[in-house]
Amino acid sequence: MCDEPVDADMSVNDPRGPSVDSRTADRKAKVAERLAHRGCNTRKGAVKVVIPWPDRLHVVEPAPLIAVAGRLERKGGRETVARCPTQQDAREAADWLADRLSRLVPGLPVTTNVEAGGGQFLVVVATGRR
């Protein structure tokens, strides 16, 4: 959740120790579990999870990644996830997004693409499933 590695050997009583995270508070959702820091996972229960896009990326109206990952995992397909002012900005955002989603949803084959449209560049993510 915080993008920092989890040490599985730390005490589970330590806020940086391991905790099982299912990425969602919805117990009906069918998503894989993974390790998260105990403190991050506890905080997640109190507030809606948001994975921030880095400030170094120039994106406009970026999509909430947890929701995007959930939809792609359930239904597949493709989604436009951000708009960027330049093609270079969009490429950097697409590269970051591909890496982030590979860690958020391991095993889900995603590709990212940059498409020109309306004087801006769109960052699109897709899976092989439809």
Protein backbone atom coordinates (compact mmCIF):
# COMPACT_ATOMS: atom_id res chain seq x y z
CA MET A 1 0.00 0.00 0.00
CA CYS A 2 2.78 2.42 0.91
CA ASP A 3 5.12 1.06 -1.78
CA GLU A 4 7.74 0.03 0.80
CA PRO A 5 8.89 -3.60 1.19
CA VAL A 6 7.39 -5.71 3.98
CA ASP A 7 9.78 -7.75 6.14
CA ALA A 8 7.92 -11.00 6.83
CA ASP A 9 10.33 -11.77 9.69
CA MET A 10 9.44 -8.67 11.75
CA SER A 11 7.12 -8.96 14.73
CA VAL A 12 3.45 -8.78 13.79
CA ASN A 13 3.05 -6.39 16.73
CA ASP A 14 5.33 -3.81 15.08
CA PRO A 15 3.56 -1.27 12.80
CA ARG A 16 6.11 -2.15 10.06
CA GLY A 17 5.55 -5.89 10.63
CA PRO A 18 3.61 -8.14 8.24
CA SER A 19 -0.16 -8.28 7.98
CA VAL A 20 -2.41 -10.01 5.45
CA ASP A 21 -4.14 -7.54 3.13
CA SER A 22 -6.90 -8.41 0.71
CA ARG A 23 -6.79 -4.92 -0.94
CA THR A 24 -10.43 -4.27 -0.11
CA ALA A 25 -12.75 -4.09 2.85
CA ASP A 26 -15.47 -5.82 0.79
CA ARG A 27 -15.43 -9.41 2.03
CA LYS A 28 -17.54 -10.51 -0.97
CA ALA A 29 -14.87 -9.43 -3.45
CA LYS A 30 -12.78 -12.26 -4.84
CA VAL A 31 -9.26 -10.84 -4.70
CA ALA A 32 -5.98 -12.42 -3.72
CA GLU A 33 -4.36 -11.66 -0.40
CA ARG A 34 -0.86 -10.25 0.02
CA LEU A 35 1.44 -8.90 2.71
CA ALA A 36 1.20 -5.29 3.88
CA HIS A 37 2.62 -3.42 6.84
CA ARG A 38 0.43 -3.88 9.90
CA GLY A 39 0.17 -0.10 10.36
CA CYS A 40 -0.79 0.50 6.71
CA ASN A 41 -3.36 -2.29 6.79
CA THR A 42 -4.89 -1.02 10.05
CA ARG A 43 -5.13 2.53 8.68
CA LYS A 44 -6.81 1.17 5.55
CA GLY A 45 -9.72 -0.09 7.65
CA ALA A 46 -10.40 3.44 8.91
CA VAL A 47 -10.23 5.23 5.57
CA LYS A 48 -10.74 4.40 1.93
CA VAL A 49 -7.49 3.19 0.37
CA VAL A 50 -5.89 5.56 -2.11
CA ILE A 51 -2.66 4.83 -3.90
CA PRO A 52 -1.32 8.24 -4.88
CA TRP A 53 0.18 8.96 -8.26
CA PRO A 54 3.69 10.40 -7.76
CA ASP A 55 3.98 14.19 -7.79
CA ARG A 56 6.77 13.91 -10.37
CA LEU A 57 4.24 12.71 -12.97
CA HIS A 58 2.27 15.37 -14.86
CA VAL A 59 -1.20 13.80 -14.95
CA VAL A 60 -4.64 15.36 -15.01
CA GLU A 61 -7.59 13.64 -13.34
CA PRO A 62 -5.79 10.37 -12.58
CA ALA A 63 -8.07 7.43 -11.89
CA PRO A 64 -8.12 5.81 -8.42
CA LEU A 65 -5.86 2.79 -8.87
CA ILE A 66 -7.56 0.47 -6.39
CA ALA A 67 -10.84 0.80 -8.29
CA VAL A 68 -9.13 0.40 -11.68
CA ALA A 69 -7.25 -2.71 -10.50
CA GLY A 70 -10.46 -4.22 -9.13
CA ARG A 71 -12.40 -3.66 -12.35
CA LEU A 72 -9.60 -5.00 -14.55
CA GLU A 73 -9.22 -8.05 -12.32
CA ARG A 74 -12.96 -8.79 -12.38
CA LYS A 75 -13.89 -7.89 -15.95
CA GLY A 76 -10.72 -7.31 -17.95
CA GLY A 77 -10.94 -4.89 -20.86
CA ARG A 78 -9.38 -1.44 -21.05
CA GLU A 79 -9.64 1.88 -19.26
CA THR A 80 -8.36 5.39 -19.77
CA VAL A 81 -6.75 6.28 -16.46
CA ALA A 82 -5.17 9.73 -16.92
CA ARG A 83 -4.63 12.66 -19.26
CA CYS A 84 -1.23 14.26 -19.80
CA PRO A 85 -0.11 17.48 -21.51
CA THR A 86 2.74 15.89 -23.48
CA GLN A 87 3.50 12.52 -25.00
CA GLN A 88 6.64 12.23 -22.82
CA ASP A 89 4.58 12.88 -19.66
CA ALA A 90 2.09 10.22 -20.75
CA ARG A 91 4.85 7.69 -21.48
CA GLU A 92 6.39 8.23 -18.03
CA ALA A 93 2.97 7.86 -16.41
CA ALA A 94 2.23 4.71 -18.44
CA ASP A 95 5.56 3.14 -17.44
CA TRP A 96 4.95 3.94 -13.76
CA LEU A 97 1.39 2.59 -14.01
CA ALA A 98 2.50 -0.72 -15.56
CA ASP A 99 5.03 -1.23 -12.77
CA ARG A 100 2.56 -0.23 -10.03
CA LEU A 101 -0.23 -2.49 -11.30
CA SER A 102 2.19 -5.43 -11.64
CA ARG A 103 2.78 -5.14 -7.88
CA LEU A 104 -0.79 -4.31 -6.95
CA VAL A 105 -2.30 -7.22 -8.91
CA PRO A 106 0.49 -9.77 -9.48
CA GLY A 107 -0.29 -12.20 -12.25
CA LEU A 108 -2.77 -9.93 -14.06
CA PRO A 109 -1.32 -9.31 -17.52
CA VAL A 110 -1.69 -5.58 -18.19
CA THR A 111 -0.37 -3.38 -20.93
CA THR A 112 -0.26 0.40 -21.05
CA ASN A 113 -0.58 2.59 -24.10
CA VAL A 114 -0.44 6.29 -24.89
CA GLU A 115 -3.07 7.65 -27.28
CA ALA A 116 -3.34 11.18 -28.66
CA GLY A 117 -6.72 12.83 -28.40
CA GLY A 118 -8.13 16.35 -28.15
CA GLY A 119 -4.76 18.09 -27.87
CA GLN A 120 -3.65 15.88 -25.00
CA PHE A 121 -2.32 12.39 -24.46
CA LEU A 122 -4.33 9.65 -22.78
CA VAL A 123 -2.84 6.87 -20.65
CA VAL A 124 -4.74 3.64 -21.30
CA VAL A 125 -4.37 0.34 -19.44
CA ALA A 126 -5.71 -2.96 -20.77
CA THR A 127 -5.76 -6.66 -20.01
CA GLY A 128 -5.92 -9.53 -22.45
CA ARG A 129 -9.31 -10.52 -20.98
CA ARG A 130 -12.61 -9.11 -22.29
